[in-house]
Amino acid sequence: MKILVIGGTGFIGRVLVRYLVENGNEVTVSSSGKRRTSILGVKEYLIFDRFNPQSLVNSVSRLGHFDIVYDQLAFRIKDVKDLVKLLEGKTESYVFASSAAVYEGKSGILSEEDFDPYTYEYDERESEKTYAEGKRNVEAYVYQNAEFPVSSARFPSIFGNCDSTLRFQDHLKRIEEGKPFWAPGNSGRRNYAWVDDAGRFLAWLGTKKKLGPFNGASEEYFDIRSFLELIGHSMGKDVSFQSESKLDKSRYYKEEDFILSTYKANKEGFRFTGTEEWLKTEVANYRLNPCPERSSQDYADSLFP
């Protein structure tokens, strides 16, 4: 298959591209050029600014036909309006990385039906104030307007060394230094995703021609204390807790259950890696190379401070 990956040098994009290349696809990668990353087997690297409308038009209009276009960088409705029009006649399908943030305001065990992008009334004014609003608008606009098949992956917090949010690295550093976390005994339960699974899942969605939204996460879920203790166990460290200063609150804390159901993906034949297994892998990677870097998360944070 001929495949274009927009944002293919970022945190998840690099893993996605690797899986696509390893499976024998002809892959073209586009990025802003800020990160110099090369992956063996990539056919071509394109440099253009996805968030500059003129750069997008100039670059995409010159491209040929692709079987799949992957989009790792859609944060707001304005990010996809022009792209959807430009891709008409240029692709057989479009796959983008969405987020569990589309379920913001809900709790419990969340299935894909808990946010319906086909009926959601998106904001034409392009006035999103939060990351969740942006992702909901992106999903709704693309599903309701694209003339080609669409699929999306809704991920919770994604873990991996060089995590673009730096949350994972911050937690490991605090545990290494013995600093306590504020974590009440009663807290909501969550599940999480591994970056390797995220890339593999996106590759599966596109190449297996799956349609519609899919949740992507490991099946196990944890309250915050149990999860931090699991990270500590993977590091061979004890984790300490305190109940006074919320300044030490883990950024993974949720007051209520926020669990992504992966029944749909499992039923279609995809299996996610167990949390304990990938945590051990990423702790080892961190200790070999504790690289603090940021990617598209910088841009998202600047939009929704």
C-alpha atoms as a PDB file:
ATOM      1  CA  MET A   1       0.000   0.000   0.000  1.00  0.00           C
ATOM      2  CA  LYS A   2       1.035   3.602  -0.616  1.00  0.00           C
ATOM      3  CA  ILE A   3       0.694   5.493   2.665  1.00  0.00           C
ATOM      4  CA  LEU A   4       1.206   9.090   3.804  1.00  0.00           C
ATOM      5  CA  VAL A   5       1.794   9.786   7.499  1.00  0.00           C
ATOM      6  CA  ILE A   6       1.286  13.417   8.497  1.00  0.00           C
ATOM      7  CA  GLY A   7       3.302  13.958  11.674  1.00  0.00           C
ATOM      8  CA  GLY A   8       5.314  10.802  11.192  1.00  0.00           C
ATOM      9  CA  THR A   9       8.357  11.824  13.226  1.00  0.00           C
ATOM     10  CA  GLY A  10       6.553  12.426  16.528  1.00  0.00           C
ATOM     11  CA  PHE A  11       6.140  10.291  19.628  1.00  0.00           C
ATOM     12  CA  ILE A  12       3.487   7.926  18.213  1.00  0.00           C
ATOM     13  CA  GLY A  13       4.172   8.640  14.548  1.00  0.00           C
ATOM     14  CA  ARG A  14       7.634   7.085  14.598  1.00  0.00           C
ATOM     15  CA  VAL A  15       6.237   3.822  15.943  1.00  0.00           C
ATOM     16  CA  LEU A  16       3.379   3.838  13.441  1.00  0.00           C
ATOM     17  CA  VAL A  17       5.786   4.397  10.548  1.00  0.00           C
ATOM     18  CA  ARG A  18       8.054   1.596  11.729  1.00  0.00           C
ATOM     19  CA  TYR A  19       5.183  -0.891  11.773  1.00  0.00           C
ATOM     20  CA  LEU A  20       3.963   0.220   8.361  1.00  0.00           C
ATOM     21  CA  VAL A  21       7.434  -0.128   6.819  1.00  0.00           C
ATOM     22  CA  GLU A  22       8.067  -3.499   8.473  1.00  0.00           C
ATOM     23  CA  ASN A  23       4.823  -4.783   6.934  1.00  0.00           C
ATOM     24  CA  GLY A  24       6.008  -3.935   3.443  1.00  0.00           C
ATOM     25  CA  ASN A  25       4.134  -0.694   2.779  1.00  0.00           C
ATOM     26  CA  GLU A  26       5.452   2.215   0.707  1.00  0.00           C
ATOM     27  CA  VAL A  27       5.509   5.019   3.275  1.00  0.00           C
ATOM     28  CA  THR A  28       5.881   8.774   2.786  1.00  0.00           C
ATOM     29  CA  VAL A  29       6.377  10.815   5.963  1.00  0.00           C
ATOM     30  CA  SER A  30       5.633  14.501   6.397  1.00  0.00           C
ATOM     31  CA  SER A  31       6.744  16.756   9.219  1.00  0.00           C
ATOM     32  CA  SER A  32       7.619  20.361   9.949  1.00  0.00           C
ATOM     33  CA  GLY A  33      11.309  19.516   9.763  1.00  0.00           C
ATOM     34  CA  LYS A  34      11.961  20.517  13.372  1.00  0.00           C
ATOM     35  CA  ARG A  35      12.936  16.954  14.274  1.00  0.00           C
ATOM     36  CA  ARG A  36      15.504  15.154  12.169  1.00  0.00           C
ATOM     37  CA  THR A  37      14.389  11.534  12.301  1.00  0.00           C
ATOM     38  CA  SER A  38      15.088   8.867   9.737  1.00  0.00           C
ATOM     39  CA  ILE A  39      13.456   5.453   9.646  1.00  0.00           C
ATOM     40  CA  LEU A  40      14.928   2.725   7.483  1.00  0.00           C
ATOM     41  CA  GLY A  41      12.686   1.937   4.549  1.00  0.00           C
ATOM     42  CA  VAL A  42      10.721   5.203   4.344  1.00  0.00           C
ATOM     43  CA  LYS A  43      10.244   6.139   0.688  1.00  0.00           C
ATOM     44  CA  GLU A  44      10.201   9.926   1.073  1.00  0.00           C
ATOM     45  CA  TYR A  45      10.270  12.679   3.707  1.00  0.00           C
ATOM     46  CA  LEU A  46       8.208  15.788   3.004  1.00  0.00           C
ATOM     47  CA  ILE A  47       8.724  19.046   4.875  1.00  0.00           C
ATOM     48  CA  PHE A  48       5.721  21.327   5.275  1.00  0.00           C
ATOM     49  CA  ASP A  49       3.938  23.167   8.071  1.00  0.00           C
ATOM     50  CA  ARG A  50       0.698  21.364   8.742  1.00  0.00           C
ATOM     51  CA  PHE A  51      -0.675  24.342  10.673  1.00  0.00           C
ATOM     52  CA  ASN A  52       0.069  26.909   7.952  1.00  0.00           C
ATOM     53  CA  PRO A  53      -2.877  26.839   5.496  1.00  0.00           C
ATOM     54  CA  GLN A  54      -0.838  27.981   2.509  1.00  0.00           C
ATOM     55  CA  SER A  55       1.952  25.501   3.198  1.00  0.00           C
ATOM     56  CA  LEU A  56      -0.645  22.735   3.519  1.00  0.00           C
ATOM     57  CA  VAL A  57      -2.355  23.649   0.241  1.00  0.00           C
ATOM     58  CA  ASN A  58       0.919  24.002  -1.652  1.00  0.00           C
ATOM     59  CA  SER A  59       2.234  20.657  -0.443  1.00  0.00           C
ATOM     60  CA  VAL A  60      -0.824  18.388  -0.446  1.00  0.00           C
ATOM     61  CA  SER A  61      -2.166  19.624  -3.780  1.00  0.00           C
ATOM     62  CA  ARG A  62       1.035  18.378  -5.461  1.00  0.00           C
ATOM     63  CA  LEU A  63       0.854  14.898  -3.943  1.00  0.00           C
ATOM     64  CA  GLY A  64      -0.277  11.817  -5.832  1.00  0.00           C
ATOM     65  CA  HIS A  65      -2.741   9.177  -4.703  1.00  0.00           C
ATOM     66  CA  PHE A  66      -2.407   7.254  -1.414  1.00  0.00           C
ATOM     67  CA  ASP A  67      -4.241   4.177  -0.191  1.00  0.00           C
ATOM     68  CA  ILE A  68      -4.177   5.561   3.365  1.00  0.00           C
ATOM     69  CA  VAL A  69      -3.471   8.965   4.884  1.00  0.00           C
ATOM     70  CA  TYR A  70      -2.651   8.990   8.590  1.00  0.00           C
ATOM     71  CA  ASP A  71      -3.032  12.231  10.532  1.00  0.00           C
ATOM     72  CA  GLN A  72      -1.249  12.510  13.869  1.00  0.00           C
ATOM     73  CA  LEU A  73      -1.666  16.274  14.214  1.00  0.00           C
ATOM     74  CA  ALA A  74      -5.350  17.218  14.157  1.00  0.00           C
ATOM     75  CA  PHE A  75      -6.188  19.220  17.282  1.00  0.00           C
ATOM     76  CA  ARG A  76      -8.911  21.668  16.138  1.00  0.00           C
ATOM     77  CA  ILE A  77     -11.580  21.885  13.458  1.00  0.00           C
ATOM     78  CA  LYS A  78      -9.471  24.360  11.453  1.00  0.00           C
ATOM     79  CA  ASP A  79      -6.759  21.694  11.229  1.00  0.00           C
ATOM     80  CA  VAL A  80      -8.994  19.421   9.135  1.00  0.00           C
ATOM     81  CA  LYS A  81     -11.322  21.685   7.139  1.00  0.00           C
ATOM     82  CA  ASP A  82      -8.825  22.367   4.344  1.00  0.00           C
ATOM     83  CA  LEU A  83      -7.264  18.925   4.550  1.00  0.00           C
ATOM     84  CA  VAL A  84     -10.556  17.082   3.998  1.00  0.00           C
ATOM     85  CA  LYS A  85     -11.114  19.059   0.783  1.00  0.00           C
ATOM     86  CA  LEU A  86      -7.512  18.641  -0.378  1.00  0.00           C
ATOM     87  CA  LEU A  87      -7.626  14.865   0.075  1.00  0.00           C
ATOM     88  CA  GLU A  88     -10.717  14.346  -2.080  1.00  0.00           C
ATOM     89  CA  GLY A  89      -9.708  11.937  -4.831  1.00  0.00           C
ATOM     90  CA  LYS A  90      -6.249  11.510  -3.283  1.00  0.00           C
ATOM     91  CA  THR A  91      -6.880   8.742  -0.739  1.00  0.00           C
ATOM     92  CA  GLU A  92      -8.955   5.625  -0.161  1.00  0.00           C
ATOM     93  CA  SER A  93      -9.084   6.171   3.616  1.00  0.00           C
ATOM     94  CA  TYR A  94      -8.121   8.566   6.399  1.00  0.00           C
ATOM     95  CA  VAL A  95      -7.017   7.493   9.881  1.00  0.00           C
ATOM     96  CA  PHE A  96      -6.318   9.912  12.682  1.00  0.00           C
ATOM     97  CA  ALA A  97      -5.147   9.838  16.269  1.00  0.00           C
ATOM     98  CA  SER A  98      -7.976  11.074  18.457  1.00  0.00           C
ATOM     99  CA  SER A  99      -8.183  11.019  22.238  1.00  0.00           C
ATOM    100  CA  ALA A 100     -10.162   9.744  25.203  1.00  0.00           C
ATOM    101  CA  ALA A 101     -10.661  13.459  25.881  1.00  0.00           C
ATOM    102  CA  VAL A 102     -13.760  13.250  23.660  1.00  0.00           C
ATOM    103  CA  TYR A 103     -15.410  11.560  26.671  1.00  0.00           C
ATOM    104  CA  GLU A 104     -14.613  14.478  28.992  1.00  0.00           C
ATOM    105  CA  GLY A 105     -17.430  14.974  31.488  1.00  0.00           C
ATOM    106  CA  LYS A 106     -18.373  11.298  31.457  1.00  0.00           C
ATOM    107  CA  SER A 107     -17.268   8.550  33.813  1.00  0.00           C
ATOM    108  CA  GLY A 108     -17.428   4.801  34.252  1.00  0.00           C
ATOM    109  CA  ILE A 109     -16.597   2.254  31.581  1.00  0.00           C
ATOM    110  CA  LEU A 110     -16.646   4.195  28.322  1.00  0.00           C
ATOM    111  CA  SER A 111     -17.455   2.640  24.971  1.00  0.00           C
ATOM    112  CA  GLU A 112     -17.255   4.233  21.548  1.00  0.00           C
ATOM    113  CA  GLU A 113     -21.002   4.949  21.621  1.00  0.00           C
ATOM    114  CA  ASP A 114     -20.498   7.383  24.504  1.00  0.00           C
ATOM    115  CA  PHE A 115     -19.403  10.002  21.997  1.00  0.00           C
ATOM    116  CA  ASP A 116     -21.073   9.935  18.578  1.00  0.00           C
ATOM    117  CA  PRO A 117     -19.110  12.011  16.025  1.00  0.00           C
ATOM    118  CA  TYR A 118     -21.724  11.379  13.340  1.00  0.00           C
ATOM    119  CA  THR A 119     -24.384  13.413  15.158  1.00  0.00           C
ATOM    120  CA  TYR A 120     -22.318  15.801  17.315  1.00  0.00           C
ATOM    121  CA  GLU A 121     -22.890  19.455  16.416  1.00  0.00           C
ATOM    122  CA  TYR A 122     -19.386  20.774  15.790  1.00  0.00           C
ATOM    123  CA  ASP A 123     -18.332  24.383  16.338  1.00  0.00           C
ATOM    124  CA  GLU A 124     -18.063  26.136  12.974  1.00  0.00           C
ATOM    125  CA  ARG A 125     -16.660  29.264  14.658  1.00  0.00           C
ATOM    126  CA  GLU A 126     -13.323  27.518  15.305  1.00  0.00           C
ATOM    127  CA  SER A 127     -13.409  28.750  18.892  1.00  0.00           C
ATOM    128  CA  GLU A 128     -12.389  25.670  20.864  1.00  0.00           C
ATOM    129  CA  LYS A 129     -11.148  26.494  24.354  1.00  0.00           C
ATOM    130  CA  THR A 130      -9.968  23.053  25.436  1.00  0.00           C
ATOM    131  CA  TYR A 131      -8.178  20.030  24.020  1.00  0.00           C
ATOM    132  CA  ALA A 132     -11.360  17.970  24.504  1.00  0.00           C
ATOM    133  CA  GLU A 133     -13.460  20.451  22.505  1.00  0.00           C
ATOM    134  CA  GLY A 134     -10.867  20.412  19.765  1.00  0.00           C
ATOM    135  CA  LYS A 135     -10.782  16.640  19.436  1.00  0.00           C
ATOM    136  CA  ARG A 136     -14.580  16.380  19.470  1.00  0.00           C
ATOM    137  CA  ASN A 137     -14.792  18.973  16.707  1.00  0.00           C
ATOM    138  CA  VAL A 138     -12.147  17.207  14.633  1.00  0.00           C
ATOM    139  CA  GLU A 139     -13.909  13.859  14.876  1.00  0.00           C
ATOM    140  CA  ALA A 140     -17.327  15.312  14.100  1.00  0.00           C
ATOM    141  CA  TYR A 141     -16.173  17.403  11.154  1.00  0.00           C
ATOM    142  CA  VAL A 142     -14.245  14.604   9.465  1.00  0.00           C
ATOM    143  CA  TYR A 143     -16.871  11.903   9.946  1.00  0.00           C
ATOM    144  CA  GLN A 144     -19.648  14.188   8.730  1.00  0.00           C
ATOM    145  CA  ASN A 145     -17.834  15.787   5.782  1.00  0.00           C
ATOM    146  CA  ALA A 146     -15.179  13.491   4.344  1.00  0.00           C
ATOM    147  CA  GLU A 147     -15.977  11.789   1.047  1.00  0.00           C
ATOM    148  CA  PHE A 148     -13.621   8.934   1.888  1.00  0.00           C
ATOM    149  CA  PRO A 149     -13.762   6.257   4.638  1.00  0.00           C
ATOM    150  CA  VAL A 150     -12.582   7.441   8.072  1.00  0.00           C
ATOM    151  CA  SER A 151     -11.364   5.729  11.221  1.00  0.00           C
ATOM    152  CA  SER A 152      -9.947   7.088  14.464  1.00  0.00           C
ATOM    153  CA  ALA A 153      -8.155   5.816  17.539  1.00  0.00           C
ATOM    154  CA  ARG A 154      -9.188   7.197  20.921  1.00  0.00           C
ATOM    155  CA  PHE A 155      -6.265   6.866  23.315  1.00  0.00           C
ATOM    156  CA  PRO A 156      -6.013   7.661  27.040  1.00  0.00           C
ATOM    157  CA  SER A 157      -2.634   8.734  28.489  1.00  0.00           C
ATOM    158  CA  ILE A 158       0.070   7.124  26.338  1.00  0.00           C
ATOM    159  CA  PHE A 159       3.237   5.842  27.984  1.00  0.00           C
ATOM    160  CA  GLY A 160       6.708   5.499  26.594  1.00  0.00           C
ATOM    161  CA  ASN A 161      10.201   6.824  26.994  1.00  0.00           C
ATOM    162  CA  CYS A 162      10.475  10.334  25.531  1.00  0.00           C
ATOM    163  CA  ASP A 163       6.760  10.811  26.189  1.00  0.00           C
ATOM    164  CA  SER A 164       5.956  14.130  24.552  1.00  0.00           C
ATOM    165  CA  THR A 165       4.111  15.383  27.661  1.00  0.00           C
ATOM    166  CA  LEU A 166       7.044  14.420  29.957  1.00  0.00           C
ATOM    167  CA  ARG A 167       4.533  13.067  32.490  1.00  0.00           C
ATOM    168  CA  PHE A 168       6.000   9.580  32.478  1.00  0.00           C
ATOM    169  CA  GLN A 169       9.553  10.814  32.920  1.00  0.00           C
ATOM    170  CA  ASP A 170       8.461  13.154  35.732  1.00  0.00           C
ATOM    171  CA  HIS A 171       6.832  10.278  37.602  1.00  0.00           C
ATOM    172  CA  LEU A 172       9.885   8.042  37.260  1.00  0.00           C
ATOM    173  CA  LYS A 173      12.177  10.815  38.443  1.00  0.00           C
ATOM    174  CA  ARG A 174      10.010  11.535  41.492  1.00  0.00           C
ATOM    175  CA  ILE A 175       9.905   7.869  42.421  1.00  0.00           C
ATOM    176  CA  GLU A 176      13.685   7.553  41.960  1.00  0.00           C
ATOM    177  CA  GLU A 177      14.168  10.536  44.290  1.00  0.00           C
ATOM    178  CA  GLY A 178      11.706   9.206  46.882  1.00  0.00           C
ATOM    179  CA  LYS A 179       9.362  12.179  46.627  1.00  0.00           C
ATOM    180  CA  PRO A 180       5.790  11.504  47.815  1.00  0.00           C
ATOM    181  CA  PHE A 181       2.614  11.772  45.759  1.00  0.00           C
ATOM    182  CA  TRP A 182      -0.680  13.180  46.933  1.00  0.00           C
ATOM    183  CA  ALA A 183      -3.056  10.290  46.330  1.00  0.00           C
ATOM    184  CA  PRO A 184      -6.274   9.759  48.282  1.00  0.00           C
ATOM    185  CA  GLY A 185      -7.207   6.219  49.205  1.00  0.00           C
ATOM    186  CA  ASN A 186     -10.444   6.486  47.229  1.00  0.00           C
ATOM    187  CA  SER A 187      -9.878   7.581  43.651  1.00  0.00           C
ATOM    188  CA  GLY A 188     -11.146   6.812  40.194  1.00  0.00           C
ATOM    189  CA  ARG A 189      -9.763   3.941  38.177  1.00  0.00           C
ATOM    190  CA  ARG A 190      -8.174   4.372  34.741  1.00  0.00           C
ATOM    191  CA  ASN A 191      -6.488   2.377  32.035  1.00  0.00           C
ATOM    192  CA  TYR A 192      -3.576   3.502  29.919  1.00  0.00           C
ATOM    193  CA  ALA A 193      -1.928   2.880  26.538  1.00  0.00           C
ATOM    194  CA  TRP A 194       1.612   1.921  25.532  1.00  0.00           C
ATOM    195  CA  VAL A 195       3.167   3.912  22.681  1.00  0.00           C
ATOM    196  CA  ASP A 196       4.166   0.715  20.878  1.00  0.00           C
ATOM    197  CA  ASP A 197       0.568  -0.507  21.047  1.00  0.00           C
ATOM    198  CA  ALA A 198      -0.654   2.906  19.849  1.00  0.00           C
ATOM    199  CA  GLY A 199       1.487   2.760  16.710  1.00  0.00           C
ATOM    200  CA  ARG A 200       0.643  -0.891  16.068  1.00  0.00           C
ATOM    201  CA  PHE A 201      -3.070  -0.170  16.605  1.00  0.00           C
ATOM    202  CA  LEU A 202      -3.119   2.732  14.149  1.00  0.00           C
ATOM    203  CA  ALA A 203      -1.325   0.596  11.574  1.00  0.00           C
ATOM    204  CA  TRP A 204      -3.925  -2.136  12.099  1.00  0.00           C
ATOM    205  CA  LEU A 205      -6.868   0.257  11.759  1.00  0.00           C
ATOM    206  CA  GLY A 206      -5.682   1.503   8.391  1.00  0.00           C
ATOM    207  CA  THR A 207      -4.290  -1.604   6.741  1.00  0.00           C
ATOM    208  CA  LYS A 208      -7.208  -3.774   7.920  1.00  0.00           C
ATOM    209  CA  LYS A 209      -9.673  -1.128   6.655  1.00  0.00           C
ATOM    210  CA  LYS A 210     -11.503  -0.680   9.940  1.00  0.00           C
ATOM    211  CA  LEU A 211     -14.054   2.129   9.982  1.00  0.00           C
ATOM    212  CA  GLY A 212     -15.307   4.471  12.683  1.00  0.00           C
ATOM    213  CA  PRO A 213     -13.940   5.252  16.153  1.00  0.00           C
ATOM    214  CA  PHE A 214     -12.067   2.662  18.214  1.00  0.00           C
ATOM    215  CA  ASN A 215     -10.818   2.888  21.798  1.00  0.00           C
ATOM    216  CA  GLY A 216      -7.178   1.899  22.263  1.00  0.00           C
ATOM    217  CA  ALA A 217      -5.771   0.961  25.701  1.00  0.00           C
ATOM    218  CA  SER A 218      -4.525  -1.897  27.833  1.00  0.00           C
ATOM    219  CA  GLU A 219      -7.405  -3.722  29.462  1.00  0.00           C
ATOM    220  CA  GLU A 220      -6.247  -3.500  33.091  1.00  0.00           C
ATOM    221  CA  TYR A 221      -7.373  -0.480  35.111  1.00  0.00           C
ATOM    222  CA  PHE A 222      -6.087   0.962  38.371  1.00  0.00           C
ATOM    223  CA  ASP A 223      -6.787   3.546  41.032  1.00  0.00           C
ATOM    224  CA  ILE A 224      -3.942   6.031  41.315  1.00  0.00           C
ATOM    225  CA  ARG A 225      -2.226   4.438  44.309  1.00  0.00           C
ATOM    226  CA  SER A 226      -2.233   0.989  42.728  1.00  0.00           C
ATOM    227  CA  PHE A 227      -0.890   2.378  39.472  1.00  0.00           C
ATOM    228  CA  LEU A 228       1.930   4.341  41.083  1.00  0.00           C
ATOM    229  CA  GLU A 229       2.840   1.278  43.143  1.00  0.00           C
ATOM    230  CA  LEU A 230       2.979  -0.748  39.921  1.00  0.00           C
ATOM    231  CA  ILE A 231       5.371   1.792  38.406  1.00  0.00           C
ATOM    232  CA  GLY A 232       7.448   1.635  41.582  1.00  0.00           C
ATOM    233  CA  HIS A 233       7.478  -2.164  41.444  1.00  0.00           C
ATOM    234  CA  SER A 234       8.734  -1.992  37.849  1.00  0.00           C
ATOM    235  CA  MET A 235      11.542   0.267  39.083  1.00  0.00           C
ATOM    236  CA  GLY A 236      12.339  -1.795  42.170  1.00  0.00           C
ATOM    237  CA  LYS A 237      11.322   1.180  44.337  1.00  0.00           C
ATOM    238  CA  ASP A 238       8.780   1.847  47.074  1.00  0.00           C
ATOM    239  CA  VAL A 239       6.365   4.702  46.427  1.00  0.00           C
ATOM    240  CA  SER A 240       5.436   7.065  49.257  1.00  0.00           C
ATOM    241  CA  PHE A 241       2.147   8.926  49.598  1.00  0.00           C
ATOM    242  CA  GLN A 242       0.920  11.937  51.526  1.00  0.00           C
ATOM    243  CA  SER A 243      -2.563  13.397  51.932  1.00  0.00           C
ATOM    244  CA  GLU A 244      -1.902  17.094  52.608  1.00  0.00           C
ATOM    245  CA  SER A 245      -0.548  19.035  49.623  1.00  0.00           C
ATOM    246  CA  LYS A 246      -2.357  18.625  46.322  1.00  0.00           C
ATOM    247  CA  LEU A 247       0.658  20.283  44.697  1.00  0.00           C
ATOM    248  CA  ASP A 248       2.124  16.774  44.687  1.00  0.00           C
ATOM    249  CA  LYS A 249      -0.887  15.274  42.889  1.00  0.00           C
ATOM    250  CA  SER A 250      -0.091  12.810  40.134  1.00  0.00           C
ATOM    251  CA  ARG A 251      -1.085  14.079  36.698  1.00  0.00           C
ATOM    252  CA  TYR A 252      -2.683  10.678  36.117  1.00  0.00           C
ATOM    253  CA  TYR A 253      -5.151  11.169  38.970  1.00  0.00           C
ATOM    254  CA  LYS A 254      -8.877  10.978  38.236  1.00  0.00           C
ATOM    255  CA  GLU A 255     -11.576  11.515  40.826  1.00  0.00           C
ATOM    256  CA  GLU A 256     -14.007   9.152  39.081  1.00  0.00           C
ATOM    257  CA  ASP A 257     -13.616   6.004  37.004  1.00  0.00           C
ATOM    258  CA  PHE A 258     -12.511   6.777  33.457  1.00  0.00           C
ATOM    259  CA  ILE A 259     -12.018   3.385  31.814  1.00  0.00           C
ATOM    260  CA  LEU A 260     -11.914   2.875  28.069  1.00  0.00           C
ATOM    261  CA  SER A 261     -13.651  -0.305  26.961  1.00  0.00           C
ATOM    262  CA  THR A 262     -11.624  -2.154  24.333  1.00  0.00           C
ATOM    263  CA  TYR A 263     -14.372  -4.666  23.601  1.00  0.00           C
ATOM    264  CA  LYS A 264     -14.810  -3.383  20.043  1.00  0.00           C
ATOM    265  CA  ALA A 265     -11.119  -3.670  19.137  1.00  0.00           C
ATOM    266  CA  ASN A 266     -10.827  -7.057  20.855  1.00  0.00           C
ATOM    267  CA  LYS A 267     -13.866  -8.369  19.007  1.00  0.00           C
ATOM    268  CA  GLU A 268     -12.280  -7.293  15.708  1.00  0.00           C
ATOM    269  CA  GLY A 269      -9.102  -9.216  16.587  1.00  0.00           C
ATOM    270  CA  PHE A 270      -6.682  -6.703  18.111  1.00  0.00           C
ATOM    271  CA  ARG A 271      -4.957  -7.450  21.433  1.00  0.00           C
ATOM    272  CA  PHE A 272      -3.254  -4.834  23.607  1.00  0.00           C
ATOM    273  CA  THR A 273      -0.156  -5.540  25.691  1.00  0.00           C
ATOM    274  CA  GLY A 274      -0.584  -5.985  29.449  1.00  0.00           C
ATOM    275  CA  THR A 275       0.269  -2.918  31.536  1.00  0.00           C
ATOM    276  CA  GLU A 276       2.873  -4.563  33.765  1.00  0.00           C
ATOM    277  CA  GLU A 277       4.720  -5.958  30.761  1.00  0.00           C
ATOM    278  CA  TRP A 278       5.099  -2.647  28.921  1.00  0.00           C
ATOM    279  CA  LEU A 279       5.875  -0.693  32.092  1.00  0.00           C
ATOM    280  CA  LYS A 280       8.931  -2.871  32.687  1.00  0.00           C
ATOM    281  CA  THR A 281      10.051  -2.310  29.099  1.00  0.00           C
ATOM    282  CA  GLU A 282       9.686   1.476  29.306  1.00  0.00           C
ATOM    283  CA  VAL A 283      11.351   1.784  32.709  1.00  0.00           C
ATOM    284  CA  ALA A 284      14.353  -0.057  31.246  1.00  0.00           C
ATOM    285  CA  ASN A 285      14.317   2.257  28.212  1.00  0.00           C
ATOM    286  CA  TYR A 286      14.168   5.314  30.464  1.00  0.00           C
ATOM    287  CA  ARG A 287      17.179   4.207  32.479  1.00  0.00           C
ATOM    288  CA  LEU A 288      19.177   3.654  29.302  1.00  0.00           C
ATOM    289  CA  ASN A 289      18.166   6.976  27.754  1.00  0.00           C
ATOM    290  CA  PRO A 290      16.209   9.439  29.930  1.00  0.00           C
ATOM    291  CA  CYS A 291      15.646  11.875  27.068  1.00  0.00           C
ATOM    292  CA  PRO A 292      13.476  14.903  27.827  1.00  0.00           C
ATOM    293  CA  GLU A 293      11.888  15.979  24.590  1.00  0.00           C
ATOM    294  CA  ARG A 294       8.636  17.439  23.416  1.00  0.00           C
ATOM    295  CA  SER A 295       6.841  17.084  20.120  1.00  0.00           C
ATOM    296  CA  SER A 296       3.346  17.987  18.933  1.00  0.00           C
ATOM    297  CA  GLN A 297       2.319  18.290  22.593  1.00  0.00           C
ATOM    298  CA  ASP A 298       4.018  21.703  22.658  1.00  0.00           C
ATOM    299  CA  TYR A 299       1.654  22.885  19.989  1.00  0.00           C
ATOM    300  CA  ALA A 300      -1.429  21.412  21.681  1.00  0.00           C
ATOM    301  CA  ASP A 301      -0.443  23.029  24.993  1.00  0.00           C
ATOM    302  CA  SER A 302      -0.053  26.406  23.303  1.00  0.00           C
ATOM    303  CA  LEU A 303      -3.562  26.141  21.890  1.00  0.00           C
ATOM    304  CA  PHE A 304      -5.250  25.073  25.102  1.00  0.00           C
ATOM    305  CA  PRO A 305      -3.133  26.436  28.003  1.00  0.00           C
END
